[in-house]
Amino acid sequence: MKLQVVTSFVLATVSLALVGCGDTKPAETTATNTPAQTPKALQTPSATSPGTEVEKAPFNSTATQPGSGSPMPGSGGMAPGMTPPMMGGGGGASTKMTAEEALASLPKAEPKYVEVQKKQDQSEAALKAKSTDATTKKAYVEQTYNYAHEVMTGQNALSPTTKYRAALALYRRVLKVDPTHAPSLEEKKRIDDIYVQMSRPIPE
């Protein structure tokens, strides 16, 4: 009887052991062929996605607006704020020099005008002696205009400041004697207009 009980207990124990140690399979991992997904935060939007167009510079950006460093028209390609040579910039003569002072400096500044100035002085003296004589006045106008035109347009060693101021002085002398002298009126106005256009005072 005891043997039968012991045998039954042993069999029960073995059965429990076999049940607890049955064939157990490790958890299977579900392998798939789906490619790894990139997190949304790192995804690059497609070229056709809304809101992904490259922002274009506005039409009125400073790169296309006047006054962004472009040279002023008529200034010879000089940047804004610089003074053109004929206005007294670029190391020329002093801007305080008057037109008559520039004229007086011509013979020293350009040797070829020494003889021209002598003829001019003679013409000045003749006009002073015969201020009402038509022939004398005509000769003076021609002499003085030719001198002015040569100074302004001829080849010489004058600085631009001296050149244009001296020419202004001579044109003024012509017009003082003959206010209707067309060539002097035209060429003087041309110089005056440039000074005005560049917002510079016309030399005295």
N, C-alpha and C. Protein backbone atom coordinates (compact mmCIF):
# COMPACT_ATOMS: atom_id res chain seq x y z
N MET A 1 0.83 -1.21 0.00
CA MET A 1 0.00 0.00 0.00
C MET A 1 0.85 1.25 0.00
N LYS A 2 1.86 1.28 0.88
CA LYS A 2 2.77 2.43 0.94
C LYS A 2 3.54 2.58 -0.35
N LEU A 3 3.96 1.43 -0.90
CA LEU A 3 4.72 1.48 -2.16
C LEU A 3 3.90 2.07 -3.27
N GLN A 4 2.61 1.73 -3.29
CA GLN A 4 1.72 2.25 -4.34
C GLN A 4 1.55 3.75 -4.21
N VAL A 5 1.46 4.25 -2.99
CA VAL A 5 1.30 5.70 -2.76
C VAL A 5 2.55 6.44 -3.20
N VAL A 6 3.69 5.90 -2.85
CA VAL A 6 4.97 6.55 -3.22
C VAL A 6 5.12 6.59 -4.71
N THR A 7 4.75 5.47 -5.34
CA THR A 7 4.87 5.41 -6.81
C THR A 7 3.98 6.43 -7.47
N SER A 8 2.77 6.56 -6.97
CA SER A 8 1.83 7.56 -7.54
C SER A 8 2.36 8.98 -7.36
N PHE A 9 2.97 9.26 -6.20
CA PHE A 9 3.52 10.60 -5.93
C PHE A 9 4.66 10.94 -6.88
N VAL A 10 5.52 9.91 -7.12
CA VAL A 10 6.66 10.12 -8.02
C VAL A 10 6.19 10.39 -9.42
N LEU A 11 5.18 9.62 -9.87
CA LEU A 11 4.67 9.81 -11.23
C LEU A 11 4.04 11.19 -11.39
N ALA A 12 3.32 11.59 -10.32
CA ALA A 12 2.70 12.92 -10.39
C ALA A 12 3.74 14.02 -10.46
N THR A 13 4.80 13.83 -9.69
CA THR A 13 5.87 14.85 -9.69
C THR A 13 6.54 14.94 -11.05
N VAL A 14 6.81 13.76 -11.66
CA VAL A 14 7.46 13.73 -12.98
C VAL A 14 6.57 14.37 -14.02
N SER A 15 5.25 14.09 -13.91
CA SER A 15 4.31 14.67 -14.89
C SER A 15 4.30 16.19 -14.81
N LEU A 16 4.29 16.70 -13.56
CA LEU A 16 4.33 18.16 -13.39
C LEU A 16 5.61 18.76 -13.95
N ALA A 17 6.70 18.04 -13.75
CA ALA A 17 7.99 18.53 -14.26
C ALA A 17 8.00 18.58 -15.77
N LEU A 18 7.38 17.51 -16.37
CA LEU A 18 7.35 17.49 -17.83
C LEU A 18 6.46 18.59 -18.39
N VAL A 19 5.35 18.85 -17.69
CA VAL A 19 4.45 19.93 -18.15
C VAL A 19 5.14 21.28 -18.06
N GLY A 20 5.86 21.53 -16.97
CA GLY A 20 6.55 22.83 -16.79
C GLY A 20 7.72 22.99 -17.70
N CYS A 21 8.29 21.89 -18.17
CA CYS A 21 9.48 21.99 -19.03
C CYS A 21 9.16 21.59 -20.45
N GLY A 22 7.93 21.80 -20.86
CA GLY A 22 7.52 21.43 -22.22
C GLY A 22 8.28 22.22 -23.27
N ASP A 23 8.06 21.82 -24.53
CA ASP A 23 8.76 22.52 -25.62
C ASP A 23 8.27 23.95 -25.72
N THR A 24 9.11 24.85 -25.30
CA THR A 24 8.77 26.29 -25.39
C THR A 24 9.61 26.94 -26.46
N LYS A 25 8.96 27.73 -27.27
CA LYS A 25 9.67 28.40 -28.36
C LYS A 25 9.87 29.87 -28.02
N PRO A 26 11.03 30.38 -28.33
CA PRO A 26 11.25 31.82 -28.07
C PRO A 26 10.29 32.65 -28.91
N ALA A 27 10.00 33.80 -28.36
CA ALA A 27 9.07 34.69 -29.09
C ALA A 27 9.63 35.03 -30.45
N GLU A 28 8.78 34.80 -31.45
CA GLU A 28 9.23 35.06 -32.81
C GLU A 28 9.18 36.57 -33.11
N THR A 29 10.18 37.01 -33.77
CA THR A 29 10.21 38.43 -34.20
C THR A 29 9.66 38.50 -35.61
N THR A 30 8.77 39.39 -35.80
CA THR A 30 8.12 39.51 -37.12
C THR A 30 8.99 40.36 -38.01
N ALA A 31 9.80 39.69 -38.80
CA ALA A 31 10.68 40.42 -39.73
C ALA A 31 9.88 40.79 -40.97
N THR A 32 9.99 41.98 -41.37
CA THR A 32 9.29 42.46 -42.57
C THR A 32 10.28 43.08 -43.52
N ASN A 33 9.85 43.25 -44.74
CA ASN A 33 10.68 43.88 -45.76
C ASN A 33 10.41 45.37 -45.89
N THR A 34 9.65 45.93 -44.93
CA THR A 34 9.33 47.37 -45.00
C THR A 34 10.58 48.19 -44.70
N PRO A 35 10.96 49.12 -45.57
CA PRO A 35 12.17 49.94 -45.30
C PRO A 35 11.98 50.78 -44.06
N ALA A 36 13.12 51.11 -43.45
CA ALA A 36 13.08 51.92 -42.22
C ALA A 36 12.48 53.28 -42.53
N GLN A 37 11.61 53.72 -41.67
CA GLN A 37 10.92 55.00 -41.87
C GLN A 37 11.73 56.13 -41.25
N THR A 38 11.83 57.22 -42.00
CA THR A 38 12.52 58.41 -41.48
C THR A 38 11.55 59.22 -40.66
N PRO A 39 11.94 59.64 -39.49
CA PRO A 39 11.03 60.47 -38.67
C PRO A 39 10.56 61.68 -39.45
N LYS A 40 9.30 62.04 -39.22
CA LYS A 40 8.72 63.16 -39.95
C LYS A 40 9.51 64.44 -39.77
N ALA A 41 10.07 64.62 -38.60
CA ALA A 41 10.80 65.87 -38.33
C ALA A 41 12.03 66.00 -39.19
N LEU A 42 12.59 64.84 -39.71
CA LEU A 42 13.80 64.88 -40.51
C LEU A 42 13.53 64.77 -41.99
N GLN A 43 12.27 64.56 -42.37
CA GLN A 43 11.95 64.40 -43.78
C GLN A 43 12.07 65.73 -44.52
N THR A 44 12.62 65.67 -45.74
CA THR A 44 12.72 66.85 -46.58
C THR A 44 11.49 66.95 -47.46
N PRO A 45 10.77 68.06 -47.42
CA PRO A 45 9.57 68.17 -48.24
C PRO A 45 9.90 68.08 -49.72
N SER A 46 9.03 67.52 -50.48
CA SER A 46 9.24 67.39 -51.92
C SER A 46 9.13 68.74 -52.59
N ALA A 47 9.67 68.81 -53.81
CA ALA A 47 9.68 70.07 -54.53
C ALA A 47 8.28 70.54 -54.88
N THR A 48 7.34 69.60 -54.89
CA THR A 48 5.98 69.97 -55.28
C THR A 48 5.06 70.12 -54.09
N SER A 49 5.61 69.93 -52.89
CA SER A 49 4.76 70.06 -51.71
C SER A 49 4.41 71.52 -51.47
N PRO A 50 3.22 71.80 -50.97
CA PRO A 50 2.82 73.18 -50.71
C PRO A 50 3.75 73.83 -49.71
N GLY A 51 4.12 75.08 -50.00
CA GLY A 51 4.92 75.85 -49.07
C GLY A 51 6.40 75.57 -49.15
N THR A 52 6.84 74.84 -50.20
CA THR A 52 8.26 74.51 -50.29
C THR A 52 8.97 75.30 -51.38
N GLU A 53 8.28 76.23 -52.03
CA GLU A 53 8.91 77.00 -53.09
C GLU A 53 9.99 77.91 -52.50
N VAL A 54 11.06 78.11 -53.26
CA VAL A 54 12.13 79.00 -52.82
C VAL A 54 11.62 80.43 -52.85
N GLU A 55 11.83 81.17 -51.78
CA GLU A 55 11.34 82.55 -51.71
C GLU A 55 12.19 83.42 -52.60
N LYS A 56 11.56 84.15 -53.47
CA LYS A 56 12.26 85.04 -54.39
C LYS A 56 12.43 86.41 -53.76
N ALA A 57 13.53 87.11 -54.16
CA ALA A 57 13.74 88.47 -53.66
C ALA A 57 12.64 89.36 -54.19
N PRO A 58 12.10 90.23 -53.35
CA PRO A 58 11.04 91.13 -53.82
C PRO A 58 11.52 92.04 -54.92
N PHE A 59 10.60 92.45 -55.76
CA PHE A 59 10.96 93.29 -56.91
C PHE A 59 11.61 94.59 -56.48
N ASN A 60 11.16 95.12 -55.36
CA ASN A 60 11.69 96.41 -54.91
C ASN A 60 12.78 96.24 -53.87
N SER A 61 13.57 95.17 -54.00
CA SER A 61 14.65 94.97 -53.05
C SER A 61 15.71 96.03 -53.27
N THR A 62 16.53 96.24 -52.24
CA THR A 62 17.53 97.31 -52.33
C THR A 62 18.56 97.04 -53.41
N ALA A 63 18.71 95.78 -53.82
CA ALA A 63 19.69 95.47 -54.86
C ALA A 63 19.30 96.06 -56.19
N THR A 64 18.00 96.34 -56.39
CA THR A 64 17.56 96.86 -57.68
C THR A 64 17.09 98.29 -57.59
N GLN A 65 17.24 98.91 -56.42
CA GLN A 65 16.73 100.26 -56.25
C GLN A 65 17.81 101.29 -56.54
N PRO A 66 17.41 102.43 -57.09
CA PRO A 66 18.38 103.51 -57.26
C PRO A 66 18.89 103.95 -55.91
N GLY A 67 20.10 104.48 -55.92
CA GLY A 67 20.66 105.00 -54.69
C GLY A 67 21.33 103.95 -53.84
N SER A 68 21.61 102.76 -54.42
CA SER A 68 22.25 101.70 -53.63
C SER A 68 23.74 101.62 -53.93
N GLY A 69 24.35 102.75 -54.24
CA GLY A 69 25.77 102.76 -54.51
C GLY A 69 26.09 102.99 -55.96
N SER A 70 25.09 103.14 -56.78
CA SER A 70 25.32 103.37 -58.20
C SER A 70 25.85 104.77 -58.41
N PRO A 71 26.81 104.89 -59.42
CA PRO A 71 27.33 106.20 -59.70
C PRO A 71 26.27 107.13 -60.22
N MET A 72 26.38 108.37 -59.86
CA MET A 72 25.42 109.36 -60.33
C MET A 72 25.63 109.65 -61.81
N PRO A 73 24.53 109.77 -62.62
CA PRO A 73 24.67 110.10 -64.04
C PRO A 73 25.40 111.41 -64.22
N GLY A 74 26.36 111.42 -65.18
CA GLY A 74 27.07 112.65 -65.46
C GLY A 74 28.26 112.88 -64.55
N SER A 75 28.56 111.90 -63.67
CA SER A 75 29.66 112.10 -62.73
C SER A 75 30.90 111.34 -63.16
N GLY A 76 30.89 110.79 -64.41
CA GLY A 76 32.08 110.11 -64.89
C GLY A 76 32.32 108.78 -64.19
N GLY A 77 31.26 108.12 -63.74
CA GLY A 77 31.42 106.85 -63.07
C GLY A 77 31.86 106.95 -61.63
N MET A 78 31.81 108.11 -61.01
CA MET A 78 32.23 108.30 -59.64
C MET A 78 31.11 107.92 -58.68
N ALA A 79 31.49 107.39 -57.55
CA ALA A 79 30.50 107.00 -56.55
C ALA A 79 29.88 108.21 -55.90
N PRO A 80 28.64 108.04 -55.36
CA PRO A 80 27.98 109.16 -54.70
C PRO A 80 28.82 109.72 -53.57
N GLY A 81 28.80 111.04 -53.42
CA GLY A 81 29.54 111.69 -52.35
C GLY A 81 30.88 112.22 -52.79
N MET A 82 31.38 111.75 -53.98
CA MET A 82 32.66 112.24 -54.49
C MET A 82 32.41 113.44 -55.40
N THR A 83 33.39 114.34 -55.45
CA THR A 83 33.25 115.54 -56.25
C THR A 83 34.02 115.39 -57.55
N PRO A 84 33.37 115.60 -58.71
CA PRO A 84 34.06 115.51 -59.99
C PRO A 84 35.22 116.50 -60.05
N PRO A 85 36.28 116.18 -60.81
CA PRO A 85 37.44 117.06 -60.88
C PRO A 85 37.10 118.50 -61.26
N MET A 86 36.19 118.68 -62.24
CA MET A 86 35.91 120.05 -62.68
C MET A 86 35.23 120.87 -61.61
N MET A 87 34.70 120.19 -60.56
CA MET A 87 34.05 120.89 -59.46
C MET A 87 35.03 121.18 -58.33
N GLY A 88 36.27 120.75 -58.49
CA GLY A 88 37.25 121.03 -57.46
C GLY A 88 37.71 119.78 -56.73
N GLY A 89 37.23 118.59 -57.13
CA GLY A 89 37.64 117.36 -56.49
C GLY A 89 38.83 116.75 -57.19
N GLY A 90 39.30 115.62 -56.67
CA GLY A 90 40.39 114.88 -57.31
C GLY A 90 41.73 115.55 -57.22
N GLY A 91 41.97 116.40 -56.22
CA GLY A 91 43.29 116.99 -56.05
C GLY A 91 43.55 118.16 -56.97
N GLY A 92 42.51 118.76 -57.54
CA GLY A 92 42.72 119.91 -58.42
C GLY A 92 42.91 121.17 -57.62
N ALA A 93 42.68 122.31 -58.29
CA ALA A 93 42.84 123.59 -57.62
C ALA A 93 41.78 123.77 -56.55
N SER A 94 42.04 124.72 -55.66
CA SER A 94 41.12 124.96 -54.55
C SER A 94 39.75 125.38 -55.06
N THR A 95 38.70 124.86 -54.40
CA THR A 95 37.34 125.22 -54.79
C THR A 95 37.02 126.65 -54.41
N LYS A 96 37.87 127.30 -53.61
CA LYS A 96 37.64 128.68 -53.22
C LYS A 96 38.15 129.66 -54.28
N MET A 97 38.86 129.16 -55.27
CA MET A 97 39.40 130.01 -56.32
C MET A 97 38.28 130.55 -57.19
N THR A 98 38.26 131.84 -57.42
CA THR A 98 37.24 132.45 -58.26
C THR A 98 37.59 132.26 -59.72
N ALA A 99 36.64 132.59 -60.58
CA ALA A 99 36.87 132.46 -62.02
C ALA A 99 37.99 133.41 -62.47
N GLU A 100 38.00 134.63 -61.97
CA GLU A 100 39.04 135.60 -62.36
C GLU A 100 40.41 135.17 -61.84
N GLU A 101 40.46 134.59 -60.67
CA GLU A 101 41.74 134.09 -60.15
C GLU A 101 42.26 132.95 -61.01
N ALA A 102 41.36 132.10 -61.47
CA ALA A 102 41.77 131.01 -62.36
C ALA A 102 42.32 131.56 -63.66
N LEU A 103 41.67 132.60 -64.19
CA LEU A 103 42.14 133.21 -65.43
C LEU A 103 43.52 133.81 -65.26
N ALA A 104 43.75 134.47 -64.14
CA ALA A 104 45.06 135.09 -63.88
C ALA A 104 46.18 134.07 -63.76
N SER A 105 45.83 132.83 -63.40
CA SER A 105 46.85 131.79 -63.20
C SER A 105 47.21 131.05 -64.48
N LEU A 106 46.53 131.32 -65.57
CA LEU A 106 46.74 130.54 -66.80
C LEU A 106 48.18 130.58 -67.32
N PRO A 107 48.80 131.77 -67.46
CA PRO A 107 50.15 131.79 -68.04
C PRO A 107 51.16 130.96 -67.24
N LYS A 108 51.00 130.92 -65.93
CA LYS A 108 51.92 130.12 -65.12
C LYS A 108 51.57 128.63 -65.19
N ALA A 109 50.30 128.34 -65.30
CA ALA A 109 49.87 126.94 -65.33
C ALA A 109 50.12 126.28 -66.68
N GLU A 110 50.05 127.07 -67.75
CA GLU A 110 50.24 126.54 -69.11
C GLU A 110 51.05 127.55 -69.92
N PRO A 111 52.34 127.25 -70.17
CA PRO A 111 53.22 128.21 -70.86
C PRO A 111 52.71 128.66 -72.23
N LYS A 112 51.97 127.85 -72.93
CA LYS A 112 51.53 128.23 -74.27
C LYS A 112 50.54 129.39 -74.24
N TYR A 113 50.01 129.70 -73.06
CA TYR A 113 49.06 130.80 -72.96
C TYR A 113 49.72 132.12 -72.60
N VAL A 114 51.03 132.13 -72.50
CA VAL A 114 51.73 133.39 -72.18
C VAL A 114 51.50 134.42 -73.28
N GLU A 115 51.71 134.02 -74.52
CA GLU A 115 51.52 134.95 -75.65
C GLU A 115 50.05 135.28 -75.85
N VAL A 116 49.19 134.31 -75.64
CA VAL A 116 47.75 134.55 -75.79
C VAL A 116 47.29 135.58 -74.76
N GLN A 117 47.83 135.49 -73.56
CA GLN A 117 47.45 136.43 -72.51
C GLN A 117 47.95 137.83 -72.83
N LYS A 118 49.10 137.94 -73.48
CA LYS A 118 49.61 139.26 -73.88
C LYS A 118 48.67 139.91 -74.88
N LYS A 119 48.17 139.12 -75.84
CA LYS A 119 47.22 139.66 -76.81
C LYS A 119 45.91 140.04 -76.12
N GLN A 120 45.54 139.25 -75.15
CA GLN A 120 44.32 139.56 -74.41
C GLN A 120 44.47 140.87 -73.64
N ASP A 121 45.62 141.09 -73.05
CA ASP A 121 45.87 142.33 -72.31
C ASP A 121 45.83 143.54 -73.25
N GLN A 122 46.37 143.37 -74.45
CA GLN A 122 46.35 144.46 -75.43
C GLN A 122 44.92 144.76 -75.86
N SER A 123 44.14 143.72 -76.05
CA SER A 123 42.74 143.91 -76.43
C SER A 123 41.95 144.59 -75.32
N GLU A 124 42.27 144.25 -74.09
CA GLU A 124 41.61 144.88 -72.94
C GLU A 124 41.95 146.37 -72.90
N ALA A 125 43.20 146.68 -73.14
CA ALA A 125 43.63 148.09 -73.11
C ALA A 125 42.98 148.88 -74.23
N ALA A 126 42.87 148.28 -75.42
CA ALA A 126 42.25 148.97 -76.55
C ALA A 126 40.78 149.24 -76.28
N LEU A 127 40.10 148.29 -75.69
CA LEU A 127 38.68 148.47 -75.37
C LEU A 127 38.50 149.57 -74.33
N LYS A 128 39.41 149.61 -73.38
CA LYS A 128 39.31 150.64 -72.34
C LYS A 128 39.50 152.02 -72.93
N ALA A 129 40.36 152.10 -73.95
CA ALA A 129 40.61 153.40 -74.59
C ALA A 129 39.47 153.81 -75.51
N LYS A 130 38.84 152.84 -76.15
CA LYS A 130 37.74 153.13 -77.08
C LYS A 130 36.55 152.22 -76.76
N SER A 131 35.94 152.46 -75.66
CA SER A 131 34.87 151.57 -75.18
C SER A 131 33.60 151.62 -76.01
N THR A 132 33.45 152.68 -76.81
CA THR A 132 32.23 152.81 -77.62
C THR A 132 32.47 152.52 -79.09
N ASP A 133 33.69 152.23 -79.45
CA ASP A 133 34.02 151.98 -80.86
C ASP A 133 33.58 150.57 -81.24
N ALA A 134 32.74 150.45 -82.28
CA ALA A 134 32.19 149.16 -82.68
C ALA A 134 33.27 148.18 -83.13
N THR A 135 34.25 148.70 -83.90
CA THR A 135 35.32 147.83 -84.40
C THR A 135 36.16 147.30 -83.26
N THR A 136 36.48 148.16 -82.31
CA THR A 136 37.27 147.74 -81.15
C THR A 136 36.51 146.72 -80.31
N LYS A 137 35.24 146.94 -80.15
CA LYS A 137 34.42 146.01 -79.38
C LYS A 137 34.34 144.65 -80.06
N LYS A 138 34.18 144.69 -81.38
CA LYS A 138 34.10 143.42 -82.11
C LYS A 138 35.40 142.64 -82.01
N ALA A 139 36.53 143.35 -82.13
CA ALA A 139 37.83 142.69 -82.03
C ALA A 139 38.03 142.09 -80.63
N TYR A 140 37.58 142.82 -79.64
CA TYR A 140 37.71 142.34 -78.26
C TYR A 140 36.87 141.07 -78.05
N VAL A 141 35.66 141.10 -78.56
CA VAL A 141 34.77 139.94 -78.41
C VAL A 141 35.38 138.71 -79.08
N GLU A 142 35.90 138.87 -80.27
CA GLU A 142 36.48 137.74 -80.99
C GLU A 142 37.72 137.20 -80.26
N GLN A 143 38.59 138.12 -79.85
CA GLN A 143 39.80 137.71 -79.14
C GLN A 143 39.47 136.97 -77.85
N THR A 144 38.57 137.52 -77.08
CA THR A 144 38.25 136.94 -75.78
C THR A 144 37.51 135.61 -75.91
N TYR A 145 36.60 135.53 -76.89
CA TYR A 145 35.88 134.27 -77.09
C TYR A 145 36.84 133.16 -77.53
N ASN A 146 37.71 133.47 -78.47
CA ASN A 146 38.66 132.47 -78.96
C ASN A 146 39.55 131.96 -77.82
N TYR A 147 39.94 132.87 -76.96
CA TYR A 147 40.76 132.49 -75.80
C TYR A 147 39.97 131.54 -74.89
N ALA A 148 38.73 131.89 -74.61
CA ALA A 148 37.89 131.06 -73.75
C ALA A 148 37.67 129.67 -74.36
N HIS A 149 37.38 129.64 -75.64
CA HIS A 149 37.11 128.37 -76.31
C HIS A 149 38.34 127.47 -76.31
N GLU A 150 39.50 128.08 -76.53
CA GLU A 150 40.75 127.32 -76.52
C GLU A 150 41.04 126.76 -75.13
N VAL A 151 40.82 127.58 -74.12
CA VAL A 151 41.07 127.12 -72.74
C VAL A 151 40.16 125.94 -72.40
N MET A 152 38.91 126.03 -72.79
CA MET A 152 37.95 124.99 -72.42
C MET A 152 38.08 123.72 -73.24
N THR A 153 38.34 123.83 -74.53
CA THR A 153 38.32 122.66 -75.41
C THR A 153 39.69 122.23 -75.92
N GLY A 154 40.68 123.10 -75.80
CA GLY A 154 42.01 122.78 -76.33
C GLY A 154 42.79 121.84 -75.43
N GLN A 155 43.87 121.30 -75.97
CA GLN A 155 44.75 120.43 -75.19
C GLN A 155 45.70 121.31 -74.39
N ASN A 156 45.69 121.11 -73.09
CA ASN A 156 46.55 121.90 -72.22
C ASN A 156 46.81 121.13 -70.94
N ALA A 157 47.68 121.71 -70.12
CA ALA A 157 48.08 121.06 -68.87
C ALA A 157 47.28 121.58 -67.68
N LEU A 158 46.18 122.26 -67.93
CA LEU A 158 45.40 122.86 -66.85
C LEU A 158 44.62 121.80 -66.09
N SER A 159 44.46 122.03 -64.79
CA SER A 159 43.57 121.16 -64.02
C SER A 159 42.14 121.47 -64.44
N PRO A 160 41.24 120.52 -64.34
CA PRO A 160 39.84 120.78 -64.72
C PRO A 160 39.24 121.98 -64.01
N THR A 161 39.57 122.15 -62.73
CA THR A 161 39.02 123.27 -61.98
C THR A 161 39.46 124.60 -62.58
N THR A 162 40.75 124.72 -62.86
CA THR A 162 41.28 125.96 -63.44
C THR A 162 40.73 126.18 -64.84
N LYS A 163 40.67 125.12 -65.61
CA LYS A 163 40.20 125.21 -67.00
C LYS A 163 38.81 125.83 -67.10
N TYR A 164 37.86 125.25 -66.39
CA TYR A 164 36.47 125.70 -66.53
C TYR A 164 36.21 127.04 -65.86
N ARG A 165 36.88 127.31 -64.78
CA ARG A 165 36.69 128.61 -64.12
C ARG A 165 37.29 129.74 -64.94
N ALA A 166 38.45 129.49 -65.53
CA ALA A 166 39.06 130.51 -66.38
C ALA A 166 38.19 130.77 -67.61
N ALA A 167 37.66 129.71 -68.18
CA ALA A 167 36.78 129.87 -69.35
C ALA A 167 35.53 130.66 -68.97
N LEU A 168 34.98 130.39 -67.79
CA LEU A 168 33.82 131.15 -67.34
C LEU A 168 34.13 132.64 -67.25
N ALA A 169 35.29 132.98 -66.73
CA ALA A 169 35.68 134.39 -66.61
C ALA A 169 35.73 135.06 -67.97
N LEU A 170 36.28 134.36 -68.96
CA LEU A 170 36.39 134.94 -70.30
C LEU A 170 35.03 135.06 -70.97
N TYR A 171 34.18 134.05 -70.83
CA TYR A 171 32.83 134.15 -71.41
C TYR A 171 32.07 135.31 -70.79
N ARG A 172 32.23 135.51 -69.52
CA ARG A 172 31.55 136.63 -68.86
C ARG A 172 32.04 137.97 -69.39
N ARG A 173 33.31 138.05 -69.68
CA ARG A 173 33.85 139.30 -70.23
C ARG A 173 33.27 139.57 -71.62
N VAL A 174 33.16 138.51 -72.41
CA VAL A 174 32.57 138.67 -73.75
C VAL A 174 31.14 139.19 -73.62
N LEU A 175 30.36 138.54 -72.77
CA LEU A 175 28.93 138.88 -72.65
C LEU A 175 28.72 140.24 -72.00
N LYS A 176 29.70 140.73 -71.30
CA LYS A 176 29.59 142.08 -70.73
C LYS A 176 29.64 143.13 -71.83
N VAL A 177 30.40 142.81 -72.88
CA VAL A 177 30.51 143.73 -74.02
C VAL A 177 29.42 143.45 -75.05
N ASP A 178 29.14 142.16 -75.29
CA ASP A 178 28.11 141.76 -76.26
C ASP A 178 27.20 140.71 -75.63
N PRO A 179 26.15 141.12 -74.95
CA PRO A 179 25.26 140.19 -74.25
C PRO A 179 24.55 139.18 -75.14
N THR A 180 24.56 139.41 -76.45
CA THR A 180 23.86 138.50 -77.37
C THR A 180 24.82 137.57 -78.12
N HIS A 181 26.08 137.54 -77.74
CA HIS A 181 27.05 136.69 -78.44
C HIS A 181 26.69 135.22 -78.23
N ALA A 182 26.14 134.61 -79.27
CA ALA A 182 25.57 133.26 -79.16
C ALA A 182 26.56 132.18 -78.72
N PRO A 183 27.75 132.09 -79.33
CA PRO A 183 28.68 131.02 -78.91
C PRO A 183 29.06 131.11 -77.43
N SER A 184 29.27 132.33 -76.96
CA SER A 184 29.63 132.50 -75.54
C SER A 184 28.46 132.14 -74.64
N LEU A 185 27.25 132.54 -75.04
CA LEU A 185 26.06 132.20 -74.26
C LEU A 185 25.90 130.68 -74.14
N GLU A 186 26.08 130.01 -75.26
CA GLU A 186 25.88 128.55 -75.28
C GLU A 186 26.93 127.83 -74.45
N GLU A 187 28.19 128.19 -74.63
CA GLU A 187 29.26 127.47 -73.93
C GLU A 187 29.28 127.80 -72.44
N LYS A 188 28.96 129.02 -72.10
CA LYS A 188 28.88 129.39 -70.68
C LYS A 188 27.73 128.63 -70.01
N LYS A 189 26.60 128.57 -70.69
CA LYS A 189 25.44 127.86 -70.12
C LYS A 189 25.76 126.38 -69.91
N ARG A 190 26.53 125.82 -70.81
CA ARG A 190 26.90 124.41 -70.69
C ARG A 190 27.67 124.17 -69.39
N ILE A 191 28.59 125.07 -69.09
CA ILE A 191 29.37 124.94 -67.85
C ILE A 191 28.48 125.17 -66.63
N ASP A 192 27.67 126.22 -66.70
CA ASP A 192 26.78 126.53 -65.57
C ASP A 192 25.84 125.36 -65.27
N ASP A 193 25.30 124.76 -66.32
CA ASP A 193 24.34 123.66 -66.14
C ASP A 193 24.97 122.46 -65.45
N ILE A 194 26.23 122.20 -65.74
CA ILE A 194 26.90 121.07 -65.11
C ILE A 194 27.05 121.31 -63.62
N TYR A 195 27.44 122.53 -63.26
CA TYR A 195 27.55 122.84 -61.83
C TYR A 195 26.20 122.69 -61.13
N VAL A 196 25.15 123.18 -61.77
CA VAL A 196 23.81 123.10 -61.18
C VAL A 196 23.37 121.64 -61.06
N GLN A 197 23.62 120.86 -62.10
CA GLN A 197 23.23 119.45 -62.10
C GLN A 197 23.91 118.68 -60.98
N MET A 198 25.14 119.05 -60.67
CA MET A 198 25.89 118.37 -59.63
C MET A 198 25.68 119.00 -58.25
N SER A 199 24.72 119.93 -58.18
CA SER A 199 24.39 120.60 -56.91
C SER A 199 25.60 121.32 -56.32
N ARG A 200 26.37 121.94 -57.20
CA ARG A 200 27.53 122.71 -56.77
C ARG A 200 27.30 124.17 -57.13
N PRO A 201 27.81 125.10 -56.33
CA PRO A 201 27.63 126.52 -56.65
C PRO A 201 28.44 126.91 -57.88
N ILE A 202 27.89 127.76 -58.70
CA ILE A 202 28.62 128.26 -59.87
C ILE A 202 29.71 129.20 -59.36
N PRO A 203 30.94 129.02 -59.78
CA PRO A 203 32.05 129.86 -59.29
C PRO A 203 31.80 131.35 -59.51
N GLU A 204 32.23 132.15 -58.58
CA GLU A 204 32.09 133.60 -58.71
C GLU A 204 33.08 134.14 -59.73
